[in-house]
């Protein structure tokens, strides 16, 4: 019985380490990405996963319409096509 426990311990340890190093950070990243999509608002500057830069004009449940380029071309993307929000909400500076 003791021999069996000593054989299973490395496998349990490896699974635990894999969870801590792979799955947990991935879940955290997914939550941050979903939070970014939920906080998206009109006039935010975004970059799509394809590298297109533009300003959000309209937001619906599934789609986002952005305006891009000097000709102000409007493009319709799914919300999941958004890679990053470039305009960050600035926090008020702390006074000491």
PDB file of N, CA and C in Angstrom:
ATOM      1  N   UNK A   1       0.828  -1.195   0.000  1.00  0.00           N
ATOM      2  CA  UNK A   1       0.000   0.000   0.000  1.00  0.00           C
ATOM      3  C   UNK A   1       0.871   1.257   0.000  1.00  0.00           C
ATOM      4  N   UNK A   2       1.900   1.254   0.831  1.00  0.00           N
ATOM      5  CA  UNK A   2       2.804   2.395   0.919  1.00  0.00           C
ATOM      6  C   UNK A   2       3.554   2.594  -0.393  1.00  0.00           C
ATOM      7  N   UNK A   3       3.888   1.484  -1.065  1.00  0.00           N
ATOM      8  CA  UNK A   3       4.581   1.543  -2.345  1.00  0.00           C
ATOM      9  C   UNK A   3       3.683   2.176  -3.413  1.00  0.00           C
ATOM     10  N   UNK A   4       2.390   1.879  -3.370  1.00  0.00           N
ATOM     11  CA  UNK A   4       1.447   2.432  -4.347  1.00  0.00           C
ATOM     12  C   UNK A   4       1.295   3.946  -4.161  1.00  0.00           C
ATOM     13  N   UNK A   5       1.270   4.393  -2.924  1.00  0.00           N
ATOM     14  CA  UNK A   5       1.168   5.828  -2.643  1.00  0.00           C
ATOM     15  C   UNK A   5       2.407   6.553  -3.142  1.00  0.00           C
ATOM     16  N   UNK A   6       3.567   5.945  -2.952  1.00  0.00           N
ATOM     17  CA  UNK A   6       4.794   6.590  -3.421  1.00  0.00           C
ATOM     18  C   UNK A   6       4.856   6.635  -4.943  1.00  0.00           C
ATOM     19  N   UNK A   7       4.183   5.727  -5.630  1.00  0.00           N
ATOM     20  CA  UNK A   7       4.125   5.765  -7.094  1.00  0.00           C
ATOM     21  C   UNK A   7       3.128   6.808  -7.600  1.00  0.00           C
ATOM     22  N   UNK A   8       2.036   6.996  -6.897  1.00  0.00           N
ATOM     23  CA  UNK A   8       1.007   7.945  -7.324  1.00  0.00           C
ATOM     24  C   UNK A   8       1.358   9.390  -6.989  1.00  0.00           C
ATOM     25  N   UNK A   9       2.161   9.597  -5.975  1.00  0.00           N
ATOM     26  CA  UNK A   9       2.492  10.952  -5.540  1.00  0.00           C
ATOM     27  C   UNK A   9       3.100  11.817  -6.649  1.00  0.00           C
ATOM     28  N   UNK A  10       4.077  11.342  -7.428  1.00  0.00           N
ATOM     29  CA  UNK A  10       4.618  12.192  -8.507  1.00  0.00           C
ATOM     30  C   UNK A  10       3.572  12.580  -9.557  1.00  0.00           C
ATOM     31  N   UNK A  11       2.664  11.666  -9.872  1.00  0.00           N
ATOM     32  CA  UNK A  11       1.620  11.977 -10.851  1.00  0.00           C
ATOM     33  C   UNK A  11       0.655  13.034 -10.324  1.00  0.00           C
ATOM     34  N   UNK A  12       0.272  12.910  -9.073  1.00  0.00           N
ATOM     35  CA  UNK A  12      -0.612  13.901  -8.462  1.00  0.00           C
ATOM     36  C   UNK A  12       0.092  15.250  -8.388  1.00  0.00           C
ATOM     37  N   UNK A  13       1.364  15.236  -8.054  1.00  0.00           N
ATOM     38  CA  UNK A  13       2.144  16.465  -7.992  1.00  0.00           C
ATOM     39  C   UNK A  13       2.246  17.118  -9.370  1.00  0.00           C
ATOM     40  N   UNK A  14       2.473  16.322 -10.413  1.00  0.00           N
ATOM     41  CA  UNK A  14       2.569  16.859 -11.779  1.00  0.00           C
ATOM     42  C   UNK A  14       1.242  17.467 -12.236  1.00  0.00           C
ATOM     43  N   UNK A  15       0.149  16.819 -11.921  1.00  0.00           N
ATOM     44  CA  UNK A  15      -1.167  17.344 -12.297  1.00  0.00           C
ATOM     45  C   UNK A  15      -1.437  18.644 -11.551  1.00  0.00           C
ATOM     46  N   UNK A  16      -1.072  18.704 -10.282  1.00  0.00           N
ATOM     47  CA  UNK A  16      -1.243  19.935  -9.510  1.00  0.00           C
ATOM     48  C   UNK A  16      -0.407  21.078 -10.054  1.00  0.00           C
ATOM     49  N   UNK A  17       0.837  20.798 -10.401  1.00  0.00           N
ATOM     50  CA  UNK A  17       1.699  21.835 -10.977  1.00  0.00           C
ATOM     51  C   UNK A  17       1.190  22.282 -12.340  1.00  0.00           C
ATOM     52  N   UNK A  18       0.696  21.338 -13.137  1.00  0.00           N
ATOM     53  CA  UNK A  18       0.156  21.698 -14.443  1.00  0.00           C
ATOM     54  C   UNK A  18      -1.054  22.623 -14.283  1.00  0.00           C
ATOM     55  N   UNK A  19      -1.890  22.338 -13.309  1.00  0.00           N
ATOM     56  CA  UNK A  19      -3.041  23.204 -13.059  1.00  0.00           C
ATOM     57  C   UNK A  19      -2.584  24.604 -12.679  1.00  0.00           C
ATOM     58  N   UNK A  20      -1.614  24.693 -11.779  1.00  0.00           N
ATOM     59  CA  UNK A  20      -1.151  26.000 -11.313  1.00  0.00           C
ATOM     60  C   UNK A  20      -0.415  26.781 -12.393  1.00  0.00           C
ATOM     61  N   UNK A  21       0.287  26.100 -13.284  1.00  0.00           N
ATOM     62  CA  UNK A  21       1.105  26.789 -14.278  1.00  0.00           C
ATOM     63  C   UNK A  21       0.388  27.026 -15.601  1.00  0.00           C
ATOM     64  N   UNK A  22      -0.638  26.240 -15.918  1.00  0.00           N
ATOM     65  CA  UNK A  22      -1.286  26.358 -17.225  1.00  0.00           C
ATOM     66  C   UNK A  22      -2.729  26.828 -17.100  1.00  0.00           C
ATOM     67  N   UNK A  23      -3.544  26.068 -16.419  1.00  0.00           N
ATOM     68  CA  UNK A  23      -4.977  26.330 -16.429  1.00  0.00           C
ATOM     69  C   UNK A  23      -5.369  27.567 -15.636  1.00  0.00           C
ATOM     70  N   UNK A  24      -4.779  27.770 -14.490  1.00  0.00           N
ATOM     71  CA  UNK A  24      -5.150  28.923 -13.668  1.00  0.00           C
ATOM     72  C   UNK A  24      -4.803  30.254 -14.333  1.00  0.00           C
ATOM     73  N   UNK A  25      -3.594  30.440 -14.877  1.00  0.00           N
ATOM     74  CA  UNK A  25      -3.307  31.699 -15.586  1.00  0.00           C
ATOM     75  C   UNK A  25      -4.186  31.892 -16.822  1.00  0.00           C
ATOM     76  N   UNK A  26      -4.519  30.804 -17.502  1.00  0.00           N
ATOM     77  CA  UNK A  26      -5.377  30.910 -18.685  1.00  0.00           C
ATOM     78  C   UNK A  26      -6.775  31.382 -18.291  1.00  0.00           C
ATOM     79  N   UNK A  27      -7.306  30.860 -17.206  1.00  0.00           N
ATOM     80  CA  UNK A  27      -8.616  31.307 -16.733  1.00  0.00           C
ATOM     81  C   UNK A  27      -8.581  32.775 -16.330  1.00  0.00           C
ATOM     82  N   UNK A  28      -7.490  33.200 -15.707  1.00  0.00           N
ATOM     83  CA  UNK A  28      -7.339  34.605 -15.320  1.00  0.00           C
ATOM     84  C   UNK A  28      -7.303  35.497 -16.558  1.00  0.00           C
ATOM     85  N   UNK A  29      -6.577  35.058 -17.599  1.00  0.00           N
ATOM     86  CA  UNK A  29      -6.488  35.823 -18.834  1.00  0.00           C
ATOM     87  C   UNK A  29      -7.856  35.922 -19.509  1.00  0.00           C
ATOM     88  N   UNK A  30      -8.622  34.831 -19.491  1.00  0.00           N
ATOM     89  CA  UNK A  30      -9.964  34.849 -20.086  1.00  0.00           C
ATOM     90  C   UNK A  30     -10.879  35.827 -19.347  1.00  0.00           C
ATOM     91  N   UNK A  31     -10.786  35.861 -18.026  1.00  0.00           N
ATOM     92  CA  UNK A  31     -11.604  36.791 -17.249  1.00  0.00           C
ATOM     93  C   UNK A  31     -11.231  38.239 -17.549  1.00  0.00           C
ATOM     94  N   UNK A  32      -9.925  38.524 -17.687  1.00  0.00           N
ATOM     95  CA  UNK A  32      -9.486  39.883 -18.014  1.00  0.00           C
ATOM     96  C   UNK A  32      -9.972  40.283 -19.403  1.00  0.00           C
ATOM     97  N   UNK A  33      -9.907  39.364 -20.366  1.00  0.00           N
ATOM     98  CA  UNK A  33     -10.354  39.646 -21.729  1.00  0.00           C
ATOM     99  C   UNK A  33     -11.863  39.912 -21.744  1.00  0.00           C
ATOM    100  N   UNK A  34     -12.627  39.089 -21.033  1.00  0.00           N
ATOM    101  CA  UNK A  34     -14.072  39.286 -20.981  1.00  0.00           C
ATOM    102  C   UNK A  34     -14.409  40.607 -20.298  1.00  0.00           C
ATOM    103  N   UNK A  35     -13.672  40.966 -19.264  1.00  0.00           N
ATOM    104  CA  UNK A  35     -13.870  42.247 -18.590  1.00  0.00           C
ATOM    105  C   UNK A  35     -13.582  43.405 -19.539  1.00  0.00           C
ATOM    106  N   UNK A  36     -12.536  43.271 -20.367  1.00  0.00           N
ATOM    107  CA  UNK A  36     -12.206  44.304 -21.349  1.00  0.00           C
ATOM    108  C   UNK A  36     -13.349  44.462 -22.350  1.00  0.00           C
ATOM    109  N   UNK A  37     -13.907  43.337 -22.822  1.00  0.00           N
ATOM    110  CA  UNK A  37     -15.014  43.412 -23.781  1.00  0.00           C
ATOM    111  C   UNK A  37     -16.263  44.014 -23.140  1.00  0.00           C
ATOM    112  N   UNK A  38     -16.513  43.675 -21.884  1.00  0.00           N
ATOM    113  CA  UNK A  38     -17.691  44.204 -21.197  1.00  0.00           C
ATOM    114  C   UNK A  38     -17.582  45.705 -20.945  1.00  0.00           C
ATOM    115  N   UNK A  39     -16.366  46.205 -20.739  1.00  0.00           N
ATOM    116  CA  UNK A  39     -16.192  47.629 -20.454  1.00  0.00           C
ATOM    117  C   UNK A  39     -15.994  48.460 -21.720  1.00  0.00           C
ATOM    118  N   UNK A  40     -16.068  47.836 -22.879  1.00  0.00           N
ATOM    119  CA  UNK A  40     -15.900  48.540 -24.148  1.00  0.00           C
ATOM    120  C   UNK A  40     -17.023  49.556 -24.323  1.00  0.00           C
ATOM    121  N   UNK A  41     -16.668  50.760 -24.770  1.00  0.00           N
ATOM    122  CA  UNK A  41     -17.678  51.791 -24.976  1.00  0.00           C
ATOM    123  C   UNK A  41     -17.408  52.540 -26.278  1.00  0.00           C
ATOM    124  N   UNK A  42     -18.397  53.301 -26.711  1.00  0.00           N
ATOM    125  CA  UNK A  42     -18.283  54.089 -27.934  1.00  0.00           C
ATOM    126  C   UNK A  42     -17.144  55.097 -27.777  1.00  0.00           C
ATOM    127  N   UNK A  43     -16.422  55.354 -28.853  1.00  0.00           N
ATOM    128  CA  UNK A  43     -15.272  56.263 -28.938  1.00  0.00           C
ATOM    129  C   UNK A  43     -13.983  55.680 -28.370  1.00  0.00           C
ATOM    130  N   UNK A  44     -13.979  54.418 -27.952  1.00  0.00           N
ATOM    131  CA  UNK A  44     -12.731  53.779 -27.538  1.00  0.00           C
ATOM    132  C   UNK A  44     -11.908  53.452 -28.777  1.00  0.00           C
ATOM    133  N   UNK A  45     -10.604  53.652 -28.682  1.00  0.00           N
ATOM    134  CA  UNK A  45      -9.685  53.257 -29.750  1.00  0.00           C
ATOM    135  C   UNK A  45      -9.324  51.796 -29.517  1.00  0.00           C
ATOM    136  N   UNK A  46      -9.478  50.963 -30.562  1.00  0.00           N
ATOM    137  CA  UNK A  46      -9.202  49.541 -30.419  1.00  0.00           C
ATOM    138  C   UNK A  46      -8.259  49.058 -31.512  1.00  0.00           C
ATOM    139  N   UNK A  47      -7.718  47.876 -31.288  1.00  0.00           N
ATOM    140  CA  UNK A  47      -6.960  47.174 -32.315  1.00  0.00           C
ATOM    141  C   UNK A  47      -7.550  45.774 -32.421  1.00  0.00           C
ATOM    142  N   UNK A  48      -7.878  45.357 -33.646  1.00  0.00           N
ATOM    143  CA  UNK A  48      -8.423  44.021 -33.839  1.00  0.00           C
ATOM    144  C   UNK A  48      -7.301  43.003 -33.792  1.00  0.00           C
ATOM    145  N   UNK A  49      -7.673  41.742 -33.738  1.00  0.00           N
ATOM    146  CA  UNK A  49      -6.665  40.681 -33.733  1.00  0.00           C
ATOM    147  C   UNK A  49      -5.907  40.639 -35.047  1.00  0.00           C
ATOM    148  N   UNK A  50      -6.495  41.190 -36.102  1.00  0.00           N
ATOM    149  CA  UNK A  50      -5.830  41.263 -37.395  1.00  0.00           C
ATOM    150  C   UNK A  50      -4.942  42.478 -37.542  1.00  0.00           C
ATOM    151  N   UNK A  51      -4.946  43.377 -36.549  1.00  0.00           N
ATOM    152  CA  UNK A  51      -4.070  44.543 -36.569  1.00  0.00           C
ATOM    153  C   UNK A  51      -4.714  45.812 -37.089  1.00  0.00           C
ATOM    154  N   UNK A  52      -6.012  45.804 -37.332  1.00  0.00           N
ATOM    155  CA  UNK A  52      -6.705  47.002 -37.807  1.00  0.00           C
ATOM    156  C   UNK A  52      -6.993  47.907 -36.615  1.00  0.00           C
ATOM    157  N   UNK A  53      -6.617  49.178 -36.748  1.00  0.00           N
ATOM    158  CA  UNK A  53      -6.857  50.165 -35.702  1.00  0.00           C
ATOM    159  C   UNK A  53      -8.090  50.972 -36.055  1.00  0.00           C
ATOM    160  N   UNK A  54      -8.879  51.326 -35.058  1.00  0.00           N
ATOM    161  CA  UNK A  54     -10.053  52.131 -35.321  1.00  0.00           C
ATOM    162  C   UNK A  54     -10.730  52.587 -34.052  1.00  0.00           C
ATOM    163  N   UNK A  55     -11.774  53.394 -34.241  1.00  0.00           N
ATOM    164  CA  UNK A  55     -12.546  53.937 -33.127  1.00  0.00           C
ATOM    165  C   UNK A  55     -13.925  53.293 -33.146  1.00  0.00           C
ATOM    166  N   UNK A  56     -14.404  52.875 -31.989  1.00  0.00           N
ATOM    167  CA  UNK A  56     -15.702  52.218 -31.879  1.00  0.00           C
ATOM    168  C   UNK A  56     -16.801  53.235 -32.142  1.00  0.00           C
ATOM    169  N   UNK A  57     -17.693  52.902 -33.081  1.00  0.00           N
ATOM    170  CA  UNK A  57     -18.813  53.766 -33.439  1.00  0.00           C
ATOM    171  C   UNK A  57     -20.122  53.241 -32.861  1.00  0.00           C
ATOM    172  N   UNK A  58     -20.298  51.910 -32.899  1.00  0.00           N
ATOM    173  CA  UNK A  58     -21.539  51.303 -32.438  1.00  0.00           C
ATOM    174  C   UNK A  58     -21.222  49.942 -31.829  1.00  0.00           C
ATOM    175  N   UNK A  59     -21.949  49.587 -30.774  1.00  0.00           N
ATOM    176  CA  UNK A  59     -21.748  48.305 -30.100  1.00  0.00           C
ATOM    177  C   UNK A  59     -23.095  47.609 -29.973  1.00  0.00           C
ATOM    178  N   UNK A  60     -23.136  46.328 -30.356  1.00  0.00           N
ATOM    179  CA  UNK A  60     -24.318  45.505 -30.107  1.00  0.00           C
ATOM    180  C   UNK A  60     -23.866  44.284 -29.306  1.00  0.00           C
ATOM    181  N   UNK A  61     -24.778  43.355 -29.068  1.00  0.00           N
ATOM    182  CA  UNK A  61     -24.421  42.180 -28.276  1.00  0.00           C
ATOM    183  C   UNK A  61     -23.336  41.341 -28.943  1.00  0.00           C
ATOM    184  N   UNK A  62     -23.409  41.190 -30.270  1.00  0.00           N
ATOM    185  CA  UNK A  62     -22.466  40.326 -30.968  1.00  0.00           C
ATOM    186  C   UNK A  62     -21.441  41.077 -31.811  1.00  0.00           C
ATOM    187  N   UNK A  63     -21.782  42.282 -32.264  1.00  0.00           N
ATOM    188  CA  UNK A  63     -20.941  42.983 -33.225  1.00  0.00           C
ATOM    189  C   UNK A  63     -20.511  44.358 -32.728  1.00  0.00           C
ATOM    190  N   UNK A  64     -19.395  44.819 -33.298  1.00  0.00           N
ATOM    191  CA  UNK A  64     -18.876  46.156 -33.032  1.00  0.00           C
ATOM    192  C   UNK A  64     -18.584  46.787 -34.383  1.00  0.00           C
ATOM    193  N   UNK A  65     -19.008  48.034 -34.574  1.00  0.00           N
ATOM    194  CA  UNK A  65     -18.690  48.764 -35.796  1.00  0.00           C
ATOM    195  C   UNK A  65     -17.613  49.774 -35.449  1.00  0.00           C
ATOM    196  N   UNK A  66     -16.506  49.705 -36.210  1.00  0.00           N
ATOM    197  CA  UNK A  66     -15.414  50.640 -35.971  1.00  0.00           C
ATOM    198  C   UNK A  66     -15.213  51.514 -37.199  1.00  0.00           C
ATOM    199  N   UNK A  67     -14.615  52.670 -36.963  1.00  0.00           N
ATOM    200  CA  UNK A  67     -14.279  53.608 -38.028  1.00  0.00           C
ATOM    201  C   UNK A  67     -12.759  53.668 -38.095  1.00  0.00           C
ATOM    202  N   UNK A  68     -12.216  53.485 -39.307  1.00  0.00           N
ATOM    203  CA  UNK A  68     -10.770  53.373 -39.442  1.00  0.00           C
ATOM    204  C   UNK A  68     -10.272  54.138 -40.654  1.00  0.00           C
ATOM    205  N   UNK A  69      -9.060  54.657 -40.550  1.00  0.00           N
ATOM    206  CA  UNK A  69      -8.384  55.286 -41.680  1.00  0.00           C
ATOM    207  C   UNK A  69      -8.811  56.712 -41.938  1.00  0.00           C
ATOM    208  N   UNK A  70      -8.082  57.387 -42.832  1.00  0.00           N
ATOM    209  CA  UNK A  70      -8.375  58.791 -43.133  1.00  0.00           C
ATOM    210  C   UNK A  70      -9.700  58.972 -43.883  1.00  0.00           C
ATOM    211  N   UNK A  71     -10.165  57.917 -44.563  1.00  0.00           N
ATOM    212  CA  UNK A  71     -11.443  57.996 -45.277  1.00  0.00           C
ATOM    213  C   UNK A  71     -12.627  57.654 -44.382  1.00  0.00           C
ATOM    214  N   UNK A  72     -12.349  57.355 -43.123  1.00  0.00           N
ATOM    215  CA  UNK A  72     -13.372  57.028 -42.127  1.00  0.00           C
ATOM    216  C   UNK A  72     -14.239  55.858 -42.581  1.00  0.00           C
ATOM    217  N   UNK A  73     -13.585  54.799 -43.018  1.00  0.00           N
ATOM    218  CA  UNK A  73     -14.267  53.586 -43.452  1.00  0.00           C
ATOM    219  C   UNK A  73     -14.832  52.882 -42.226  1.00  0.00           C
ATOM    220  N   UNK A  74     -16.060  52.422 -42.337  1.00  0.00           N
ATOM    221  CA  UNK A  74     -16.693  51.704 -41.230  1.00  0.00           C
ATOM    222  C   UNK A  74     -16.650  50.206 -41.499  1.00  0.00           C
ATOM    223  N   UNK A  75     -16.206  49.464 -40.489  1.00  0.00           N
ATOM    224  CA  UNK A  75     -16.065  48.020 -40.593  1.00  0.00           C
ATOM    225  C   UNK A  75     -16.826  47.361 -39.452  1.00  0.00           C
ATOM    226  N   UNK A  76     -17.456  46.223 -39.754  1.00  0.00           N
ATOM    227  CA  UNK A  76     -18.223  45.490 -38.751  1.00  0.00           C
ATOM    228  C   UNK A  76     -17.453  44.230 -38.361  1.00  0.00           C
ATOM    229  N   UNK A  77     -17.230  44.063 -37.056  1.00  0.00           N
ATOM    230  CA  UNK A  77     -16.497  42.915 -36.530  1.00  0.00           C
ATOM    231  C   UNK A  77     -17.308  42.258 -35.423  1.00  0.00           C
ATOM    232  N   UNK A  78     -17.030  40.978 -35.185  1.00  0.00           N
ATOM    233  CA  UNK A  78     -17.578  40.348 -33.986  1.00  0.00           C
ATOM    234  C   UNK A  78     -16.800  40.875 -32.783  1.00  0.00           C
ATOM    235  N   UNK A  79     -17.401  40.822 -31.627  1.00  0.00           N
ATOM    236  CA  UNK A  79     -16.733  41.336 -30.421  1.00  0.00           C
ATOM    237  C   UNK A  79     -15.449  40.575 -30.123  1.00  0.00           C
ATOM    238  N   UNK A  80     -15.429  39.288 -30.481  1.00  0.00           N
ATOM    239  CA  UNK A  80     -14.239  38.483 -30.193  1.00  0.00           C
ATOM    240  C   UNK A  80     -13.073  38.813 -31.116  1.00  0.00           C
ATOM    241  N   UNK A  81     -13.294  39.610 -32.163  1.00  0.00           N
ATOM    242  CA  UNK A  81     -12.210  40.018 -33.060  1.00  0.00           C
ATOM    243  C   UNK A  81     -11.379  41.144 -32.458  1.00  0.00           C
ATOM    244  N   UNK A  82     -11.846  41.727 -31.370  1.00  0.00           N
ATOM    245  CA  UNK A  82     -11.112  42.823 -30.729  1.00  0.00           C
ATOM    246  C   UNK A  82      -9.944  42.239 -29.950  1.00  0.00           C
ATOM    247  N   UNK A  83      -8.760  42.731 -30.252  1.00  0.00           N
ATOM    248  CA  UNK A  83      -7.559  42.238 -29.585  1.00  0.00           C
ATOM    249  C   UNK A  83      -7.180  43.052 -28.370  1.00  0.00           C
ATOM    250  N   UNK A  84      -7.346  44.389 -28.459  1.00  0.00           N
ATOM    251  CA  UNK A  84      -6.919  45.243 -27.354  1.00  0.00           C
ATOM    252  C   UNK A  84      -7.626  46.584 -27.443  1.00  0.00           C
ATOM    253  N   UNK A  85      -7.878  47.175 -26.289  1.00  0.00           N
ATOM    254  CA  UNK A  85      -8.410  48.533 -26.223  1.00  0.00           C
ATOM    255  C   UNK A  85      -7.219  49.447 -25.979  1.00  0.00           C
ATOM    256  N   UNK A  86      -7.021  50.405 -26.887  1.00  0.00           N
ATOM    257  CA  UNK A  86      -5.841  51.267 -26.807  1.00  0.00           C
ATOM    258  C   UNK A  86      -6.052  52.476 -25.914  1.00  0.00           C
ATOM    259  N   UNK A  87      -7.287  52.951 -25.787  1.00  0.00           N
ATOM    260  CA  UNK A  87      -7.553  54.085 -24.898  1.00  0.00           C
ATOM    261  C   UNK A  87      -7.858  53.531 -23.519  1.00  0.00           C
ATOM    262  N   UNK A  88      -7.008  53.839 -22.595  1.00  0.00           N
ATOM    263  CA  UNK A  88      -7.183  53.379 -21.223  1.00  0.00           C
ATOM    264  C   UNK A  88      -7.843  54.481 -20.417  1.00  0.00           C
ATOM    265  N   UNK A  89      -8.702  54.081 -19.510  1.00  0.00           N
ATOM    266  CA  UNK A  89      -9.332  55.034 -18.607  1.00  0.00           C
ATOM    267  C   UNK A  89      -8.287  55.466 -17.589  1.00  0.00           C
ATOM    268  N   UNK A  90      -8.003  56.758 -17.565  1.00  0.00           N
ATOM    269  CA  UNK A  90      -6.988  57.261 -16.640  1.00  0.00           C
ATOM    270  C   UNK A  90      -7.596  57.445 -15.260  1.00  0.00           C
ATOM    271  N   UNK A  91      -6.863  56.973 -14.267  1.00  0.00           N
ATOM    272  CA  UNK A  91      -7.307  57.135 -12.890  1.00  0.00           C
ATOM    273  C   UNK A  91      -6.843  58.490 -12.379  1.00  0.00           C
ATOM    274  N   UNK A  92      -7.623  59.114 -11.513  1.00  0.00           N
ATOM    275  CA  UNK A  92      -7.193  60.396 -10.962  1.00  0.00           C
ATOM    276  C   UNK A  92      -5.886  60.240 -10.195  1.00  0.00           C
ATOM    277  N   UNK A  93      -5.018  61.216 -10.333  1.00  0.00           N
ATOM    278  CA  UNK A  93      -3.718  61.166  -9.659  1.00  0.00           C
ATOM    279  C   UNK A  93      -3.916  61.344  -8.157  1.00  0.00           C
ATOM    280  N   UNK A  94      -3.178  60.562  -7.399  1.00  0.00           N
ATOM    281  CA  UNK A  94      -3.257  60.674  -5.940  1.00  0.00           C
ATOM    282  C   UNK A  94      -2.413  61.849  -5.491  1.00  0.00           C
ATOM    283  N   UNK A  95      -2.999  62.655  -4.621  1.00  0.00           N
ATOM    284  CA  UNK A  95      -2.271  63.804  -4.090  1.00  0.00           C
ATOM    285  C   UNK A  95      -1.694  63.436  -2.736  1.00  0.00           C
ATOM    286  N   UNK A  96      -0.443  63.796  -2.531  1.00  0.00           N
ATOM    287  CA  UNK A  96       0.210  63.499  -1.243  1.00  0.00           C
ATOM    288  C   UNK A  96       0.265  64.724  -0.392  1.00  0.00           C
TER     289      UNK A  96
END
